[in-house]
Amino acid sequence: MNTQFSRPDEKEISIEEKLRALHELQNVVSSIDKIKMLRGELPLEVQDLEDEITGLKTRLHNLEDEIRSLETAINNKKIAIKESQTLITKYTEQQSNVRNNREYDSLSKEIEFQTLEIQLSEKRIKEFTAEMSAKKEAIVSSKELLSERMEDLVRKNRELDEITEETKIEEERMKAKAEKIESFIEPRLLSAFKRIRKNARNGLAVVTIQRDACGGCFNKIPPQRQLDIASRKKIIVCEYCGRILVDDNIDQIPEEA
């Protein structure tokens, strides 16, 4: 279609002209869709890698925080052991000066309690040390994986940039053409077109009649309705899928008498 679109008074725009504009707009945005398809899954792969890298960085940060917490816990247990050892020494010395068995037994219980506290602290230190060792190993493996993913991201971005650069000029040209056609279409109709296109699986909002059926959902169109569509006197949508229907000769502009 070679129609030059300019924005006349809406009253001057016929239904047929609106249908031609919608059909041409559909052709243009479908071309843009094809350009985007050339990029394949690369944009999604790039996004997935960026998300994974963010997750790995967060994991590394959390692991480092957890290691610092474990180091603090180990130091606290070591301090507790020293305090218990000091108390054991104190209670042992006091046992030499007790006046009766009751005081001796009481001090013995205190010594036994502090000994158990030392054993418990030593057990916790071993557990914390093992946990800290595991987290350090996790940091090493996470850093290796992060490095790999960063390399993958650089490579994927390079591939995406190359493909984008190859199609950039054509995409910009088609986008400019789409904007020009959109300026010709009344806002209400353009909004409907975009809504239908958004909900359509293949991005087709305007379709032609193909073999007596809707070119979008392929449901049969009654003969009388086909005649109404071909007359181009009103905008008709498919009763099954809601797409705007046009006849397959919509691109052919009749010669002026």
C-alpha atoms as a PDB file:
ATOM      1  CA  MET A   1       0.000   0.000   0.000  1.00  0.00           C
ATOM      2  CA  ASN A   2       1.453   3.310  -1.065  1.00  0.00           C
ATOM      3  CA  THR A   3      -1.125   5.633   0.455  1.00  0.00           C
ATOM      4  CA  GLN A   4       0.464   8.783   1.886  1.00  0.00           C
ATOM      5  CA  PHE A   5      -1.039   9.292   5.311  1.00  0.00           C
ATOM      6  CA  SER A   6      -1.740  12.802   6.497  1.00  0.00           C
ATOM      7  CA  ARG A   7      -4.098  13.897   9.249  1.00  0.00           C
ATOM      8  CA  PRO A   8      -7.245  15.372   7.630  1.00  0.00           C
ATOM      9  CA  ASP A   9     -10.398  16.360   9.417  1.00  0.00           C
ATOM     10  CA  GLU A  10     -11.891  13.181  10.947  1.00  0.00           C
ATOM     11  CA  LYS A  11     -15.171  13.907   9.171  1.00  0.00           C
ATOM     12  CA  GLU A  12     -13.364  13.573   5.843  1.00  0.00           C
ATOM     13  CA  ILE A  13     -11.961  10.117   6.616  1.00  0.00           C
ATOM     14  CA  SER A  14     -14.104   7.355   5.162  1.00  0.00           C
ATOM     15  CA  ILE A  15     -14.485   3.939   6.743  1.00  0.00           C
ATOM     16  CA  GLU A  16     -12.607   2.470   3.790  1.00  0.00           C
ATOM     17  CA  GLU A  17      -9.665   4.789   4.439  1.00  0.00           C
ATOM     18  CA  LYS A  18      -9.685   3.847   8.098  1.00  0.00           C
ATOM     19  CA  LEU A  19      -9.649   0.157   7.179  1.00  0.00           C
ATOM     20  CA  ARG A  20      -6.766   0.703   4.754  1.00  0.00           C
ATOM     21  CA  ALA A  21      -4.827   2.565   7.451  1.00  0.00           C
ATOM     22  CA  LEU A  22      -5.461  -0.153  10.033  1.00  0.00           C
ATOM     23  CA  HIS A  23      -4.404  -2.863   7.592  1.00  0.00           C
ATOM     24  CA  GLU A  24      -1.257  -0.966   6.652  1.00  0.00           C
ATOM     25  CA  LEU A  25      -0.470  -0.367  10.330  1.00  0.00           C
ATOM     26  CA  GLN A  26      -0.854  -4.072  10.958  1.00  0.00           C
ATOM     27  CA  ASN A  27       1.596  -4.850   8.147  1.00  0.00           C
ATOM     28  CA  VAL A  28       4.124  -2.403   9.559  1.00  0.00           C
ATOM     29  CA  VAL A  29       3.939  -3.563  13.189  1.00  0.00           C
ATOM     30  CA  SER A  30       4.084  -7.183  12.002  1.00  0.00           C
ATOM     31  CA  SER A  31       7.330  -6.308  10.225  1.00  0.00           C
ATOM     32  CA  ILE A  32       8.634  -4.847  13.484  1.00  0.00           C
ATOM     33  CA  ASP A  33       7.620  -8.064  15.242  1.00  0.00           C
ATOM     34  CA  LYS A  34       9.633 -10.080  12.718  1.00  0.00           C
ATOM     35  CA  ILE A  35      12.672  -7.892  13.327  1.00  0.00           C
ATOM     36  CA  LYS A  36      12.363  -8.530  17.056  1.00  0.00           C
ATOM     37  CA  MET A  37      12.032 -12.249  16.378  1.00  0.00           C
ATOM     38  CA  LEU A  38      15.421 -12.156  14.644  1.00  0.00           C
ATOM     39  CA  ARG A  39      16.888 -11.400  18.044  1.00  0.00           C
ATOM     40  CA  GLY A  40      15.407 -14.677  19.196  1.00  0.00           C
ATOM     41  CA  GLU A  41      15.621 -15.435  22.884  1.00  0.00           C
ATOM     42  CA  LEU A  42      18.696 -13.258  23.403  1.00  0.00           C
ATOM     43  CA  PRO A  43      16.905 -10.415  25.259  1.00  0.00           C
ATOM     44  CA  LEU A  44      15.327 -12.968  27.619  1.00  0.00           C
ATOM     45  CA  GLU A  45      18.634 -14.776  28.048  1.00  0.00           C
ATOM     46  CA  VAL A  46      20.329 -11.477  28.880  1.00  0.00           C
ATOM     47  CA  GLN A  47      17.604 -10.656  31.411  1.00  0.00           C
ATOM     48  CA  ASP A  48      17.874 -14.134  32.972  1.00  0.00           C
ATOM     49  CA  LEU A  49      21.646 -13.763  33.274  1.00  0.00           C
ATOM     50  CA  GLU A  50      21.299 -10.316  34.839  1.00  0.00           C
ATOM     51  CA  ASP A  51      18.788 -11.711  37.340  1.00  0.00           C
ATOM     52  CA  GLU A  52      21.055 -14.669  38.142  1.00  0.00           C
ATOM     53  CA  ILE A  53      24.057 -12.381  38.608  1.00  0.00           C
ATOM     54  CA  THR A  54      22.046 -10.167  40.961  1.00  0.00           C
ATOM     55  CA  GLY A  55      21.017 -13.274  42.902  1.00  0.00           C
ATOM     56  CA  LEU A  56      24.611 -14.529  43.122  1.00  0.00           C
ATOM     57  CA  LYS A  57      25.847 -11.150  44.359  1.00  0.00           C
ATOM     58  CA  THR A  58      23.124 -11.117  46.994  1.00  0.00           C
ATOM     59  CA  ARG A  59      24.056 -14.679  48.017  1.00  0.00           C
ATOM     60  CA  LEU A  60      27.727 -13.735  48.321  1.00  0.00           C
ATOM     61  CA  HIS A  61      26.840 -10.711  50.431  1.00  0.00           C
ATOM     62  CA  ASN A  62      24.661 -12.865  52.715  1.00  0.00           C
ATOM     63  CA  LEU A  63      27.349 -15.559  53.021  1.00  0.00           C
ATOM     64  CA  GLU A  64      29.950 -12.973  53.980  1.00  0.00           C
ATOM     65  CA  ASP A  65      27.583 -11.521  56.595  1.00  0.00           C
ATOM     66  CA  GLU A  66      26.923 -15.027  57.963  1.00  0.00           C
ATOM     67  CA  ILE A  67      30.675 -15.744  58.178  1.00  0.00           C
ATOM     68  CA  ARG A  68      31.223 -12.515  60.102  1.00  0.00           C
ATOM     69  CA  SER A  69      28.405 -13.519  62.469  1.00  0.00           C
ATOM     70  CA  LEU A  70      29.978 -16.964  62.957  1.00  0.00           C
ATOM     71  CA  GLU A  71      33.395 -15.389  63.647  1.00  0.00           C
ATOM     72  CA  THR A  72      31.776 -13.181  66.290  1.00  0.00           C
ATOM     73  CA  ALA A  73      30.000 -16.210  67.790  1.00  0.00           C
ATOM     74  CA  ILE A  74      33.292 -18.173  67.922  1.00  0.00           C
ATOM     75  CA  ASN A  75      35.083 -15.274  69.607  1.00  0.00           C
ATOM     76  CA  ASN A  76      32.244 -14.966  72.136  1.00  0.00           C
ATOM     77  CA  LYS A  77      32.532 -18.691  72.937  1.00  0.00           C
ATOM     78  CA  LYS A  78      36.299 -18.379  73.370  1.00  0.00           C
ATOM     79  CA  ILE A  79      35.733 -15.498  75.779  1.00  0.00           C
ATOM     80  CA  ALA A  80      33.149 -17.596  77.628  1.00  0.00           C
ATOM     81  CA  ILE A  81      35.674 -20.457  77.907  1.00  0.00           C
ATOM     82  CA  LYS A  82      38.265 -18.126  79.441  1.00  0.00           C
ATOM     83  CA  GLU A  83      35.685 -16.804  81.892  1.00  0.00           C
ATOM     84  CA  SER A  84      34.726 -20.365  82.888  1.00  0.00           C
ATOM     85  CA  GLN A  85      38.403 -21.310  83.294  1.00  0.00           C
ATOM     86  CA  THR A  86      38.917 -18.283  85.530  1.00  0.00           C
ATOM     87  CA  LEU A  87      35.932 -19.288  87.640  1.00  0.00           C
ATOM     88  CA  ILE A  88      37.160 -22.890  87.891  1.00  0.00           C
ATOM     89  CA  THR A  89      40.526 -21.635  89.138  1.00  0.00           C
ATOM     90  CA  LYS A  90      38.766 -19.381  91.629  1.00  0.00           C
ATOM     91  CA  TYR A  91      36.443 -22.113  92.916  1.00  0.00           C
ATOM     92  CA  THR A  92      39.304 -24.626  93.146  1.00  0.00           C
ATOM     93  CA  GLU A  93      41.290 -22.215  95.320  1.00  0.00           C
ATOM     94  CA  GLN A  94      38.211 -21.578  97.502  1.00  0.00           C
ATOM     95  CA  GLN A  95      37.834 -25.320  98.108  1.00  0.00           C
ATOM     96  CA  SER A  96      41.099 -25.193 100.081  1.00  0.00           C
ATOM     97  CA  ASN A  97      39.531 -22.806 102.566  1.00  0.00           C
ATOM     98  CA  VAL A  98      36.042 -24.276 103.051  1.00  0.00           C
ATOM     99  CA  ARG A  99      34.724 -24.820 106.561  1.00  0.00           C
ATOM    100  CA  ASN A 100      32.449 -27.774 105.849  1.00  0.00           C
ATOM    101  CA  ASN A 101      31.450 -30.369 103.317  1.00  0.00           C
ATOM    102  CA  ARG A 102      28.385 -28.404 102.202  1.00  0.00           C
ATOM    103  CA  GLU A 103      30.529 -25.494 101.009  1.00  0.00           C
ATOM    104  CA  TYR A 104      32.951 -27.919  99.353  1.00  0.00           C
ATOM    105  CA  ASP A 105      30.140 -29.688  97.489  1.00  0.00           C
ATOM    106  CA  SER A 106      28.650 -26.372  96.426  1.00  0.00           C
ATOM    107  CA  LEU A 107      31.969 -25.281  94.945  1.00  0.00           C
ATOM    108  CA  SER A 108      32.382 -28.697  93.295  1.00  0.00           C
ATOM    109  CA  LYS A 109      29.024 -28.229  91.589  1.00  0.00           C
ATOM    110  CA  GLU A 110      30.095 -24.789  90.379  1.00  0.00           C
ATOM    111  CA  ILE A 111      33.318 -26.256  89.006  1.00  0.00           C
ATOM    112  CA  GLU A 112      31.380 -29.070  87.331  1.00  0.00           C
ATOM    113  CA  PHE A 113      28.929 -26.554  85.836  1.00  0.00           C
ATOM    114  CA  GLN A 114      31.726 -24.375  84.453  1.00  0.00           C
ATOM    115  CA  THR A 115      33.462 -27.474  83.063  1.00  0.00           C
ATOM    116  CA  LEU A 116      30.253 -28.381  81.227  1.00  0.00           C
ATOM    117  CA  GLU A 117      30.004 -24.802  79.980  1.00  0.00           C
ATOM    118  CA  ILE A 118      33.521 -25.102  78.568  1.00  0.00           C
ATOM    119  CA  GLN A 119      32.661 -28.404  76.864  1.00  0.00           C
ATOM    120  CA  LEU A 120      29.491 -26.914  75.406  1.00  0.00           C
ATOM    121  CA  SER A 121      31.371 -23.825  74.156  1.00  0.00           C
ATOM    122  CA  GLU A 122      34.053 -26.023  72.582  1.00  0.00           C
ATOM    123  CA  LYS A 123      31.333 -28.071  70.862  1.00  0.00           C
ATOM    124  CA  ARG A 124      29.693 -24.900  69.550  1.00  0.00           C
ATOM    125  CA  ILE A 125      33.078 -23.620  68.314  1.00  0.00           C
ATOM    126  CA  LYS A 126      33.570 -26.834  66.340  1.00  0.00           C
ATOM    127  CA  GLU A 127      30.060 -26.537  64.875  1.00  0.00           C
ATOM    128  CA  PHE A 128      30.528 -22.872  64.009  1.00  0.00           C
ATOM    129  CA  THR A 129      33.949 -23.578  62.490  1.00  0.00           C
ATOM    130  CA  ALA A 130      32.550 -26.377  60.325  1.00  0.00           C
ATOM    131  CA  GLU A 131      29.648 -24.170  59.260  1.00  0.00           C
ATOM    132  CA  MET A 132      32.012 -21.317  58.491  1.00  0.00           C
ATOM    133  CA  SER A 133      34.215 -23.640  56.437  1.00  0.00           C
ATOM    134  CA  ALA A 134      31.188 -24.780  54.407  1.00  0.00           C
ATOM    135  CA  LYS A 135      30.160 -21.183  53.804  1.00  0.00           C
ATOM    136  CA  LYS A 136      33.669 -20.260  52.677  1.00  0.00           C
ATOM    137  CA  GLU A 137      33.542 -23.113  50.177  1.00  0.00           C
ATOM    138  CA  ALA A 138      30.131 -21.834  49.030  1.00  0.00           C
ATOM    139  CA  ILE A 139      31.656 -18.377  48.549  1.00  0.00           C
ATOM    140  CA  VAL A 140      34.439 -19.813  46.384  1.00  0.00           C
ATOM    141  CA  SER A 141      32.000 -21.771  44.200  1.00  0.00           C
ATOM    142  CA  SER A 142      29.601 -18.789  44.022  1.00  0.00           C
ATOM    143  CA  LYS A 143      32.425 -16.484  42.941  1.00  0.00           C
ATOM    144  CA  GLU A 144      33.452 -18.963  40.246  1.00  0.00           C
ATOM    145  CA  LEU A 145      29.864 -19.212  39.018  1.00  0.00           C
ATOM    146  CA  LEU A 146      29.491 -15.426  39.164  1.00  0.00           C
ATOM    147  CA  SER A 147      32.615 -15.024  37.050  1.00  0.00           C
ATOM    148  CA  GLU A 148      31.265 -17.509  34.484  1.00  0.00           C
ATOM    149  CA  ARG A 149      27.893 -15.773  34.343  1.00  0.00           C
ATOM    150  CA  MET A 150      29.539 -12.369  33.956  1.00  0.00           C
ATOM    151  CA  GLU A 151      31.475 -13.730  30.972  1.00  0.00           C
ATOM    152  CA  ASP A 152      28.257 -15.217  29.565  1.00  0.00           C
ATOM    153  CA  LEU A 153      26.515 -11.858  29.983  1.00  0.00           C
ATOM    154  CA  VAL A 154      29.271 -10.002  28.146  1.00  0.00           C
ATOM    155  CA  ARG A 155      29.081 -12.509  25.284  1.00  0.00           C
ATOM    156  CA  LYS A 156      25.270 -12.441  25.080  1.00  0.00           C
ATOM    157  CA  ASN A 157      25.203  -8.646  25.196  1.00  0.00           C
ATOM    158  CA  ARG A 158      27.750  -8.548  22.391  1.00  0.00           C
ATOM    159  CA  GLU A 159      25.592 -10.904  20.291  1.00  0.00           C
ATOM    160  CA  LEU A 160      22.490  -8.861  21.057  1.00  0.00           C
ATOM    161  CA  ASP A 161      24.245  -5.599  20.187  1.00  0.00           C
ATOM    162  CA  GLU A 162      25.405  -7.032  16.860  1.00  0.00           C
ATOM    163  CA  ILE A 163      21.907  -8.208  15.899  1.00  0.00           C
ATOM    164  CA  THR A 164      20.332  -4.980  17.153  1.00  0.00           C
ATOM    165  CA  GLU A 165      22.800  -2.918  15.135  1.00  0.00           C
ATOM    166  CA  GLU A 166      22.023  -4.936  12.005  1.00  0.00           C
ATOM    167  CA  THR A 167      18.282  -4.341  12.337  1.00  0.00           C
ATOM    168  CA  LYS A 168      18.308  -0.926  14.011  1.00  0.00           C
ATOM    169  CA  ILE A 169      17.953   1.199  10.878  1.00  0.00           C
ATOM    170  CA  GLU A 170      15.119  -0.890   9.450  1.00  0.00           C
ATOM    171  CA  GLU A 171      13.322  -1.026  12.812  1.00  0.00           C
ATOM    172  CA  GLU A 172      13.565   2.751  13.259  1.00  0.00           C
ATOM    173  CA  ARG A 173      12.258   3.265   9.725  1.00  0.00           C
ATOM    174  CA  MET A 174       9.302   0.965  10.366  1.00  0.00           C
ATOM    175  CA  LYS A 175       8.585   2.592  13.733  1.00  0.00           C
ATOM    176  CA  ALA A 176       8.545   6.027  12.108  1.00  0.00           C
ATOM    177  CA  LYS A 177       6.172   4.692   9.459  1.00  0.00           C
ATOM    178  CA  ALA A 178       3.925   3.188  12.149  1.00  0.00           C
ATOM    179  CA  GLU A 179       3.819   6.512  14.021  1.00  0.00           C
ATOM    180  CA  LYS A 180       2.840   8.328  10.835  1.00  0.00           C
ATOM    181  CA  ILE A 181      -0.010   5.893  10.179  1.00  0.00           C
ATOM    182  CA  GLU A 182      -1.123   6.055  13.815  1.00  0.00           C
ATOM    183  CA  SER A 183      -1.438   9.838  13.551  1.00  0.00           C
ATOM    184  CA  PHE A 184      -3.924   9.272  10.738  1.00  0.00           C
ATOM    185  CA  ILE A 185      -6.129   6.966  12.845  1.00  0.00           C
ATOM    186  CA  GLU A 186      -8.553   8.387  15.387  1.00  0.00           C
ATOM    187  CA  PRO A 187      -7.515   7.724  19.025  1.00  0.00           C
ATOM    188  CA  ARG A 188     -10.523   5.540  19.895  1.00  0.00           C
ATOM    189  CA  LEU A 189      -9.917   3.240  16.923  1.00  0.00           C
ATOM    190  CA  LEU A 190      -6.167   3.157  17.498  1.00  0.00           C
ATOM    191  CA  SER A 191      -6.726   2.245  21.130  1.00  0.00           C
ATOM    192  CA  ALA A 192      -9.000  -0.624  20.071  1.00  0.00           C
ATOM    193  CA  PHE A 193      -6.382  -1.814  17.565  1.00  0.00           C
ATOM    194  CA  LYS A 194      -3.666  -1.883  20.228  1.00  0.00           C
ATOM    195  CA  ARG A 195      -5.931  -3.638  22.712  1.00  0.00           C
ATOM    196  CA  ILE A 196      -6.850  -6.363  20.211  1.00  0.00           C
ATOM    197  CA  ARG A 197      -3.227  -6.737  19.145  1.00  0.00           C
ATOM    198  CA  LYS A 198      -2.065  -7.079  22.743  1.00  0.00           C
ATOM    199  CA  ASN A 199      -4.540  -9.874  23.411  1.00  0.00           C
ATOM    200  CA  ALA A 200      -3.897 -11.694  20.127  1.00  0.00           C
ATOM    201  CA  ARG A 201      -1.448 -14.572  20.364  1.00  0.00           C
ATOM    202  CA  ASN A 202       0.306 -13.685  17.101  1.00  0.00           C
ATOM    203  CA  GLY A 203      -0.042  -9.913  17.408  1.00  0.00           C
ATOM    204  CA  LEU A 204      -2.594  -9.726  14.585  1.00  0.00           C
ATOM    205  CA  ALA A 205      -5.366  -7.215  15.219  1.00  0.00           C
ATOM    206  CA  VAL A 206      -6.385  -6.832  11.566  1.00  0.00           C
ATOM    207  CA  VAL A 207      -6.768  -9.888   9.324  1.00  0.00           C
ATOM    208  CA  THR A 208      -8.106 -10.607   5.855  1.00  0.00           C
ATOM    209  CA  ILE A 209     -10.683 -13.198   4.859  1.00  0.00           C
ATOM    210  CA  GLN A 210      -8.903 -16.365   3.782  1.00  0.00           C
ATOM    211  CA  ARG A 211     -10.861 -19.210   2.167  1.00  0.00           C
ATOM    212  CA  ASP A 212     -14.113 -17.843   3.569  1.00  0.00           C
ATOM    213  CA  ALA A 213     -12.659 -17.805   7.092  1.00  0.00           C
ATOM    214  CA  CYS A 214     -11.144 -15.342   9.559  1.00  0.00           C
ATOM    215  CA  GLY A 215      -7.426 -15.024   8.895  1.00  0.00           C
ATOM    216  CA  GLY A 216      -6.795 -14.956  12.635  1.00  0.00           C
ATOM    217  CA  CYS A 217      -8.824 -17.755  14.211  1.00  0.00           C
ATOM    218  CA  PHE A 218      -9.869 -19.513  10.947  1.00  0.00           C
ATOM    219  CA  ASN A 219     -13.533 -19.743  11.866  1.00  0.00           C
ATOM    220  CA  LYS A 220     -15.907 -19.596   8.895  1.00  0.00           C
ATOM    221  CA  ILE A 221     -17.403 -16.228   7.975  1.00  0.00           C
ATOM    222  CA  PRO A 222     -20.986 -16.298   6.586  1.00  0.00           C
ATOM    223  CA  PRO A 223     -21.326 -15.144   2.920  1.00  0.00           C
ATOM    224  CA  GLN A 224     -23.481 -12.120   3.780  1.00  0.00           C
ATOM    225  CA  ARG A 225     -20.964 -10.977   6.371  1.00  0.00           C
ATOM    226  CA  GLN A 226     -18.198 -11.362   3.789  1.00  0.00           C
ATOM    227  CA  LEU A 227     -20.148  -9.064   1.462  1.00  0.00           C
ATOM    228  CA  ASP A 228     -20.485  -6.507   4.280  1.00  0.00           C
ATOM    229  CA  ILE A 229     -16.728  -6.692   4.886  1.00  0.00           C
ATOM    230  CA  ALA A 230     -15.967  -6.291   1.179  1.00  0.00           C
ATOM    231  CA  SER A 231     -18.226  -3.220   0.971  1.00  0.00           C
ATOM    232  CA  ARG A 232     -15.949  -1.420   3.472  1.00  0.00           C
ATOM    233  CA  LYS A 233     -18.869   0.596   4.789  1.00  0.00           C
ATOM    234  CA  LYS A 234     -18.305  -0.242   8.438  1.00  0.00           C
ATOM    235  CA  ILE A 235     -15.689  -1.745  10.694  1.00  0.00           C
ATOM    236  CA  ILE A 236     -16.521  -5.390  11.341  1.00  0.00           C
ATOM    237  CA  VAL A 237     -14.854  -7.646  13.879  1.00  0.00           C
ATOM    238  CA  CYS A 238     -14.741 -11.429  14.017  1.00  0.00           C
ATOM    239  CA  GLU A 239     -17.434 -12.693  16.361  1.00  0.00           C
ATOM    240  CA  TYR A 240     -15.101 -15.469  17.512  1.00  0.00           C
ATOM    241  CA  CYS A 241     -11.736 -13.781  18.138  1.00  0.00           C
ATOM    242  CA  GLY A 242     -12.579 -10.057  18.024  1.00  0.00           C
ATOM    243  CA  ARG A 243     -10.043  -9.195  15.311  1.00  0.00           C
ATOM    244  CA  ILE A 244     -10.876  -6.499  12.754  1.00  0.00           C
ATOM    245  CA  LEU A 245     -11.785  -8.097   9.426  1.00  0.00           C
ATOM    246  CA  VAL A 246     -10.919  -6.715   5.968  1.00  0.00           C
ATOM    247  CA  ASP A 247     -11.260  -8.191   2.505  1.00  0.00           C
ATOM    248  CA  ASP A 248      -8.145  -9.533   0.788  1.00  0.00           C
ATOM    249  CA  ASN A 249      -8.282  -6.764  -1.831  1.00  0.00           C
ATOM    250  CA  ILE A 250      -8.029  -3.977   0.739  1.00  0.00           C
ATOM    251  CA  ASP A 251      -4.609  -2.961  -0.607  1.00  0.00           C
ATOM    252  CA  GLN A 252      -5.984  -2.342  -4.075  1.00  0.00           C
ATOM    253  CA  ILE A 253      -7.028   1.271  -4.433  1.00  0.00           C
ATOM    254  CA  PRO A 254      -9.667   1.736  -7.172  1.00  0.00           C
ATOM    255  CA  GLU A 255      -8.717   4.101  -9.951  1.00  0.00           C
ATOM    256  CA  GLU A 256     -10.502   7.430  -9.954  1.00  0.00           C
ATOM    257  CA  ALA A 257     -13.059   7.894 -12.717  1.00  0.00           C
END
